[in-house]
Every structure is written in structure tokens, then in C-alpha cells.
Amino acid sequence: MAITMTEAAAEHVARYIEKRGHGTGIRLGVRTSGCSGMAYVLEFVDDVQEEDEVFNGPQDVRIVIDPKSLLYLDGTELDFVKEGLNEGFKFNNPNVSSECGCGESFNV
């Protein structure tokens, strides 16, 4: 099982961790939400829990995932993209079978 992060995503996260002044990485998870069933959750990590899985990305940015979320996210690549005036994280998740029309939620 593995989660990866592009250089662009790592640069974005590293910049925000530096602005915050503390943190060990970013937590990636899923929660029940939206019209397709699940939504991605991102938050900064200050402390890693014993049960967490930790993956090292570029620039020593750590990706932390709880075991339940890892089942839905295995093989996912986290990217950060800029399209015109919009920018944000993009989840390249090979486990997704469908997404809602607005792109906020997915199903596996």
C-alpha cells in the first residue's frame, strides 16, 4: 500500500507548514459526505498517532493516513494544480468508480 505526492503538491504543503511555524506533514483521509458517498479530507498534522500509516513525499513532506482511509486511498497520488484562476489539490485515486457532477465526492 502506498500514497504518493507530486513535487507541486509537496511544495505547496511545505510552504504552508513553514508559514504555520510547526507541523510534521499533511493528513489525508476520507469521510462520508456528498451525493456520491465519500469526500476527501486534508488537514495539517502536528502529531502522528500510533495507528497511522506514514508515507514520505518529496521535500520530506509526510503524508499521514489512518488505516480506515487507507483502504479507499491506496495508490492515490496527491497533486496540486493551477487551471486559469483556480488552484487546488487533485486526487488521482485509482479506486474511484464514480464521482458526483460537482466533483466534491466519490464512490469506490
N, C-alpha and C. Protein backbone atom coordinates (compact mmCIF):
# COMPACT_ATOMS: atom_id res chain seq x y z
N MET A 1 0.84 -1.18 0.00
CA MET A 1 0.00 0.00 0.00
C MET A 1 0.88 1.24 0.00
N ALA A 2 0.48 2.20 -0.83
CA ALA A 2 1.30 3.40 -0.92
C ALA A 2 0.47 4.60 -1.36
N ILE A 3 0.87 5.76 -0.88
CA ILE A 3 0.30 7.04 -1.28
C ILE A 3 1.49 7.90 -1.72
N THR A 4 1.31 8.62 -2.83
CA THR A 4 2.40 9.47 -3.33
C THR A 4 1.92 10.90 -3.47
N MET A 5 2.88 11.78 -3.67
CA MET A 5 2.61 13.21 -3.78
C MET A 5 3.53 13.78 -4.85
N THR A 6 2.98 14.62 -5.71
CA THR A 6 3.81 15.25 -6.74
C THR A 6 4.69 16.33 -6.11
N GLU A 7 5.67 16.75 -6.86
CA GLU A 7 6.55 17.83 -6.40
C GLU A 7 5.75 19.11 -6.16
N ALA A 8 4.78 19.39 -7.04
CA ALA A 8 3.95 20.60 -6.89
C ALA A 8 3.16 20.56 -5.58
N ALA A 9 2.59 19.41 -5.25
CA ALA A 9 1.83 19.28 -4.01
C ALA A 9 2.75 19.42 -2.81
N ALA A 10 3.91 18.81 -2.87
CA ALA A 10 4.87 18.88 -1.76
C ALA A 10 5.32 20.32 -1.53
N GLU A 11 5.59 21.06 -2.60
CA GLU A 11 6.00 22.46 -2.46
C GLU A 11 4.90 23.28 -1.79
N HIS A 12 3.65 23.06 -2.19
CA HIS A 12 2.53 23.80 -1.61
C HIS A 12 2.38 23.49 -0.12
N VAL A 13 2.43 22.22 0.24
CA VAL A 13 2.30 21.83 1.65
C VAL A 13 3.47 22.35 2.47
N ALA A 14 4.69 22.21 1.96
CA ALA A 14 5.88 22.67 2.68
C ALA A 14 5.81 24.17 2.94
N ARG A 15 5.32 24.93 1.96
CA ARG A 15 5.19 26.38 2.11
C ARG A 15 4.22 26.71 3.26
N TYR A 16 3.10 26.00 3.31
CA TYR A 16 2.11 26.28 4.36
C TYR A 16 2.58 25.81 5.73
N ILE A 17 3.31 24.71 5.79
CA ILE A 17 3.87 24.27 7.07
C ILE A 17 4.86 25.32 7.58
N GLU A 18 5.66 25.87 6.67
CA GLU A 18 6.62 26.91 7.06
C GLU A 18 5.89 28.16 7.58
N LYS A 19 4.80 28.55 6.91
CA LYS A 19 4.02 29.71 7.36
C LYS A 19 3.39 29.46 8.73
N ARG A 20 2.92 28.22 8.95
CA ARG A 20 2.32 27.87 10.24
C ARG A 20 3.36 27.90 11.36
N GLY A 21 4.59 27.56 11.01
CA GLY A 21 5.65 27.54 12.01
C GLY A 21 5.80 26.21 12.73
N HIS A 22 4.93 25.25 12.44
CA HIS A 22 5.04 23.91 13.03
C HIS A 22 4.19 22.94 12.21
N GLY A 23 4.45 21.67 12.41
CA GLY A 23 3.72 20.61 11.71
C GLY A 23 4.67 19.57 11.18
N THR A 24 4.16 18.36 11.04
CA THR A 24 5.01 17.27 10.55
C THR A 24 4.60 16.81 9.16
N GLY A 25 3.49 17.31 8.64
CA GLY A 25 3.03 16.89 7.32
C GLY A 25 1.57 17.20 7.14
N ILE A 26 0.95 16.40 6.28
CA ILE A 26 -0.46 16.59 5.97
C ILE A 26 -1.19 15.25 6.14
N ARG A 27 -2.38 15.33 6.73
CA ARG A 27 -3.21 14.14 6.91
C ARG A 27 -4.20 14.08 5.76
N LEU A 28 -4.24 12.94 5.11
CA LEU A 28 -5.19 12.69 4.04
C LEU A 28 -6.15 11.62 4.52
N GLY A 29 -7.43 11.87 4.37
CA GLY A 29 -8.43 10.91 4.81
C GLY A 29 -9.69 11.01 4.00
N VAL A 30 -10.67 10.20 4.35
CA VAL A 30 -11.98 10.25 3.72
C VAL A 30 -13.04 10.29 4.81
N ARG A 31 -14.19 10.86 4.45
CA ARG A 31 -15.33 10.86 5.36
C ARG A 31 -16.59 10.68 4.52
N THR A 32 -17.63 10.20 5.13
CA THR A 32 -18.91 10.03 4.46
C THR A 32 -19.50 11.41 4.22
N SER A 33 -19.82 11.70 2.96
CA SER A 33 -20.33 13.02 2.62
C SER A 33 -20.73 13.07 1.16
N GLY A 34 -21.49 14.07 0.83
CA GLY A 34 -21.79 14.36 -0.56
C GLY A 34 -22.76 13.40 -1.20
N CYS A 35 -23.01 13.62 -2.47
CA CYS A 35 -24.01 12.82 -3.17
C CYS A 35 -23.46 11.49 -3.67
N SER A 36 -22.15 11.32 -3.72
CA SER A 36 -21.59 10.04 -4.18
C SER A 36 -21.11 9.16 -3.03
N GLY A 37 -21.11 9.67 -1.81
CA GLY A 37 -20.79 8.82 -0.67
C GLY A 37 -19.59 9.20 0.16
N MET A 38 -18.48 9.62 -0.45
CA MET A 38 -17.26 9.92 0.30
C MET A 38 -16.63 11.20 -0.21
N ALA A 39 -15.94 11.89 0.70
CA ALA A 39 -15.22 13.11 0.35
C ALA A 39 -13.83 13.05 0.96
N TYR A 40 -12.89 13.70 0.29
CA TYR A 40 -11.52 13.76 0.79
C TYR A 40 -11.43 14.78 1.92
N VAL A 41 -10.54 14.51 2.87
CA VAL A 41 -10.28 15.41 3.98
C VAL A 41 -8.77 15.64 4.04
N LEU A 42 -8.37 16.90 4.12
CA LEU A 42 -6.96 17.27 4.26
C LEU A 42 -6.82 18.17 5.47
N GLU A 43 -5.81 17.91 6.29
CA GLU A 43 -5.51 18.78 7.42
C GLU A 43 -4.04 18.65 7.78
N PHE A 44 -3.50 19.67 8.40
CA PHE A 44 -2.11 19.61 8.82
C PHE A 44 -1.97 18.67 10.00
N VAL A 45 -0.82 18.05 10.10
CA VAL A 45 -0.55 17.08 11.17
C VAL A 45 0.51 17.65 12.10
N ASP A 46 0.18 17.70 13.37
CA ASP A 46 1.15 18.09 14.38
C ASP A 46 1.69 16.86 15.11
N ASP A 47 0.84 15.87 15.30
CA ASP A 47 1.24 14.64 15.99
C ASP A 47 0.73 13.43 15.22
N VAL A 48 1.60 12.46 15.02
CA VAL A 48 1.23 11.22 14.35
C VAL A 48 0.74 10.24 15.41
N GLN A 49 -0.41 9.61 15.14
CA GLN A 49 -0.97 8.61 16.05
C GLN A 49 -0.30 7.26 15.80
N GLU A 50 -0.30 6.41 16.81
CA GLU A 50 0.37 5.12 16.71
C GLU A 50 -0.16 4.27 15.56
N GLU A 51 -1.47 4.35 15.29
CA GLU A 51 -2.07 3.51 14.25
C GLU A 51 -1.94 4.09 12.84
N ASP A 52 -1.47 5.32 12.71
CA ASP A 52 -1.34 5.98 11.42
C ASP A 52 -0.29 5.33 10.54
N GLU A 53 -0.54 5.36 9.24
CA GLU A 53 0.46 5.00 8.23
C GLU A 53 1.10 6.29 7.77
N VAL A 54 2.42 6.29 7.63
CA VAL A 54 3.14 7.50 7.22
C VAL A 54 3.93 7.21 5.94
N PHE A 55 3.76 8.07 4.95
CA PHE A 55 4.47 7.97 3.69
C PHE A 55 5.27 9.25 3.50
N ASN A 56 6.50 9.12 3.04
CA ASN A 56 7.36 10.28 2.83
C ASN A 56 7.27 10.72 1.38
N GLY A 57 6.94 12.00 1.20
CA GLY A 57 6.85 12.57 -0.13
C GLY A 57 8.07 13.40 -0.44
N PRO A 58 8.07 14.08 -1.59
CA PRO A 58 9.17 14.98 -1.93
C PRO A 58 9.36 16.04 -0.86
N GLN A 59 10.55 16.57 -0.78
CA GLN A 59 10.90 17.64 0.17
C GLN A 59 10.63 17.23 1.62
N ASP A 60 10.70 15.95 1.90
CA ASP A 60 10.49 15.41 3.24
C ASP A 60 9.11 15.76 3.81
N VAL A 61 8.14 15.98 2.97
CA VAL A 61 6.76 16.21 3.42
C VAL A 61 6.14 14.84 3.71
N ARG A 62 5.59 14.70 4.89
CA ARG A 62 4.98 13.44 5.28
C ARG A 62 3.49 13.44 4.98
N ILE A 63 3.01 12.30 4.48
CA ILE A 63 1.59 12.09 4.24
C ILE A 63 1.14 11.08 5.29
N VAL A 64 0.20 11.47 6.11
CA VAL A 64 -0.27 10.63 7.22
C VAL A 64 -1.71 10.20 6.93
N ILE A 65 -1.97 8.91 7.11
CA ILE A 65 -3.29 8.37 6.80
C ILE A 65 -3.70 7.37 7.87
N ASP A 66 -4.96 7.45 8.29
CA ASP A 66 -5.47 6.47 9.24
C ASP A 66 -5.77 5.17 8.49
N PRO A 67 -5.73 4.02 9.16
CA PRO A 67 -5.91 2.73 8.49
C PRO A 67 -7.23 2.58 7.73
N LYS A 68 -8.33 3.13 8.24
CA LYS A 68 -9.61 3.01 7.55
C LYS A 68 -9.60 3.76 6.22
N SER A 69 -9.03 4.95 6.22
CA SER A 69 -8.97 5.73 4.99
C SER A 69 -8.04 5.10 3.96
N LEU A 70 -6.98 4.45 4.43
CA LEU A 70 -6.01 3.85 3.52
C LEU A 70 -6.65 2.82 2.60
N LEU A 71 -7.67 2.13 3.07
CA LEU A 71 -8.37 1.16 2.23
C LEU A 71 -8.95 1.81 0.98
N TYR A 72 -9.42 3.06 1.10
CA TYR A 72 -10.02 3.77 -0.02
C TYR A 72 -9.01 4.59 -0.83
N LEU A 73 -7.84 4.82 -0.25
CA LEU A 73 -6.87 5.73 -0.87
C LEU A 73 -5.61 5.04 -1.39
N ASP A 74 -5.49 3.74 -1.21
CA ASP A 74 -4.30 3.02 -1.65
C ASP A 74 -4.03 3.30 -3.13
N GLY A 75 -2.83 3.73 -3.44
CA GLY A 75 -2.44 4.02 -4.81
C GLY A 75 -2.71 5.44 -5.25
N THR A 76 -3.26 6.27 -4.37
CA THR A 76 -3.61 7.65 -4.72
C THR A 76 -2.37 8.52 -4.82
N GLU A 77 -2.38 9.41 -5.80
CA GLU A 77 -1.36 10.43 -5.94
C GLU A 77 -2.01 11.78 -5.67
N LEU A 78 -1.44 12.54 -4.74
CA LEU A 78 -1.92 13.87 -4.41
C LEU A 78 -1.14 14.88 -5.26
N ASP A 79 -1.88 15.70 -5.98
CA ASP A 79 -1.26 16.69 -6.85
C ASP A 79 -1.81 18.06 -6.49
N PHE A 80 -1.11 19.11 -6.88
CA PHE A 80 -1.60 20.48 -6.72
C PHE A 80 -1.56 21.11 -8.10
N VAL A 81 -2.72 21.55 -8.59
CA VAL A 81 -2.81 22.06 -9.96
C VAL A 81 -3.36 23.47 -9.98
N LYS A 82 -2.91 24.21 -11.00
CA LYS A 82 -3.42 25.55 -11.27
C LYS A 82 -4.03 25.52 -12.66
N GLU A 83 -5.31 25.88 -12.74
CA GLU A 83 -6.01 25.94 -14.03
C GLU A 83 -6.68 27.30 -14.14
N GLY A 84 -6.07 28.18 -14.90
CA GLY A 84 -6.58 29.55 -15.00
C GLY A 84 -6.46 30.25 -13.66
N LEU A 85 -7.58 30.76 -13.16
CA LEU A 85 -7.59 31.44 -11.87
C LEU A 85 -7.80 30.47 -10.71
N ASN A 86 -8.10 29.24 -11.00
CA ASN A 86 -8.36 28.24 -9.96
C ASN A 86 -7.12 27.43 -9.64
N GLU A 87 -6.98 27.08 -8.38
CA GLU A 87 -5.90 26.20 -7.97
C GLU A 87 -6.39 25.36 -6.81
N GLY A 88 -5.82 24.16 -6.69
CA GLY A 88 -6.22 23.30 -5.59
C GLY A 88 -5.62 21.91 -5.72
N PHE A 89 -5.88 21.11 -4.71
CA PHE A 89 -5.39 19.74 -4.72
C PHE A 89 -6.24 18.88 -5.65
N LYS A 90 -5.58 17.96 -6.31
CA LYS A 90 -6.24 17.00 -7.18
C LYS A 90 -5.85 15.61 -6.68
N PHE A 91 -6.84 14.75 -6.55
CA PHE A 91 -6.62 13.40 -6.06
C PHE A 91 -6.71 12.42 -7.22
N ASN A 92 -5.60 11.83 -7.59
CA ASN A 92 -5.58 10.83 -8.65
C ASN A 92 -5.70 9.47 -7.96
N ASN A 93 -6.96 9.05 -7.74
CA ASN A 93 -7.26 7.85 -6.96
C ASN A 93 -7.74 6.74 -7.90
N PRO A 94 -6.94 5.67 -8.05
CA PRO A 94 -7.32 4.58 -8.96
C PRO A 94 -8.50 3.75 -8.45
N ASN A 95 -8.92 3.94 -7.22
CA ASN A 95 -10.01 3.16 -6.63
C ASN A 95 -11.39 3.75 -6.91
N VAL A 96 -11.46 4.97 -7.42
CA VAL A 96 -12.73 5.65 -7.63
C VAL A 96 -13.49 4.99 -8.79
N SER A 97 -14.75 4.62 -8.51
CA SER A 97 -15.59 4.05 -9.56
C SER A 97 -16.53 5.10 -10.15
N SER A 98 -16.88 6.12 -9.36
CA SER A 98 -17.72 7.20 -9.87
C SER A 98 -17.54 8.44 -9.00
N GLU A 99 -17.84 9.59 -9.61
CA GLU A 99 -17.77 10.86 -8.89
C GLU A 99 -19.06 11.62 -9.13
N CYS A 100 -19.39 12.50 -8.19
CA CYS A 100 -20.58 13.33 -8.39
C CYS A 100 -20.27 14.39 -9.44
N GLY A 101 -21.29 15.01 -9.96
CA GLY A 101 -21.13 16.01 -11.00
C GLY A 101 -20.33 17.23 -10.58
N CYS A 102 -20.42 17.60 -9.31
CA CYS A 102 -19.70 18.79 -8.84
C CYS A 102 -18.26 18.47 -8.45
N GLY A 103 -17.90 17.18 -8.38
CA GLY A 103 -16.53 16.80 -8.07
C GLY A 103 -16.18 16.82 -6.60
N GLU A 104 -17.15 17.01 -5.73
CA GLU A 104 -16.90 17.09 -4.29
C GLU A 104 -16.84 15.73 -3.61
N SER A 105 -17.46 14.71 -4.21
CA SER A 105 -17.47 13.41 -3.56
C SER A 105 -17.28 12.29 -4.57
N PHE A 106 -17.00 11.09 -4.06
CA PHE A 106 -16.71 9.95 -4.93
C PHE A 106 -17.22 8.67 -4.31
N ASN A 107 -17.17 7.61 -5.10
CA ASN A 107 -17.59 6.29 -4.66
C ASN A 107 -16.55 5.29 -5.13
N VAL A 108 -16.32 4.25 -4.36
CA VAL A 108 -15.38 3.20 -4.76
C VAL A 108 -16.09 1.90 -5.02
